[in-house]
């Protein structure tokens, strides 16, 4: 605010000089200026200053934006050069996951479409959308945003996995909730929780997720993504890629590998569920190809992340 106070004082000085030229005495000038800075006079000056400053900024928009965009594109070019192969592999995983998912869905439609398959496939499609967004954010040097979206992707896969491993009634229960504000109550009858419990939590469902059961690192990753999302002190002062000595905001290439890898593994997990739900021979081969591509993605991502 001090900068604008200075500008307002400059306007006052100009006004006082004008009054002096008009032959006003110091006492008269003082009285006039005092009146100007009361109520309407103050806001008149405030609006004059803010409008002048806004005009200056808009008149200089080309120069300022050109300078910013030149630096920004230079950084993005370097980032995408460094991470070109992992980003391309992640996009390839996404493309093949879309293609193979559509193949699986078309196969099921040609047989007998169940509610369970329809629900899991819709969750799979939404998960693929999240992964595309994660890739896009990472390729733009915004891995913290990608981490937040990865949280959403993880939740989708956990829900999809839960439904795929239960009967049709579970899928139907989930589907009935599409137009309600309930979050997880649809799962109550399929969980070993107290039936008197008013609300079912995501963690109640997550306890059944095989990846989390077999490897606690998934639970840690989910907790970390939750901290990034919320205004916790731990992630406010330990932000991904932030240099608290020089750079608080902007793009970074720190943390890109995490969500590219973990996102791809989660997509593969739900594709595996689709495979296991239906008797389609092609799906087994497609699962293995996706798995091979993800192994390659992990390998090249970790090498770059470790500086090799």
Foldseek 3Di string as FASTA:
>chain_A
DVVLVVVLVVVLVVVLVVVVVVVDDPVRSVVVSVVLCPDPSVVVSVVVSVVVVVVVCVVCVVVVVVVVVVVLVVVLVVLCVLCVVLLVLLVVLLVLLVVLLVVLVVVCVVPPDALLLVQLSVLLVVLSVLSVVLSVCLSSQNNLVSLLSLLVSVLSLLLSVLSLVDDRQLSVLVVVCPPDPADCPSCLVVFPDDNPDPHDDSVSSNVPPPVCVVDVVVVVSSVVSVPSVDPDPVCQVVPFPADVVPGHDDGHNGNSLVSSLVSLVSSLSSLVSSPVSDPDPVSVVSSVVSVVSSVVSNVSSVCSNVPD
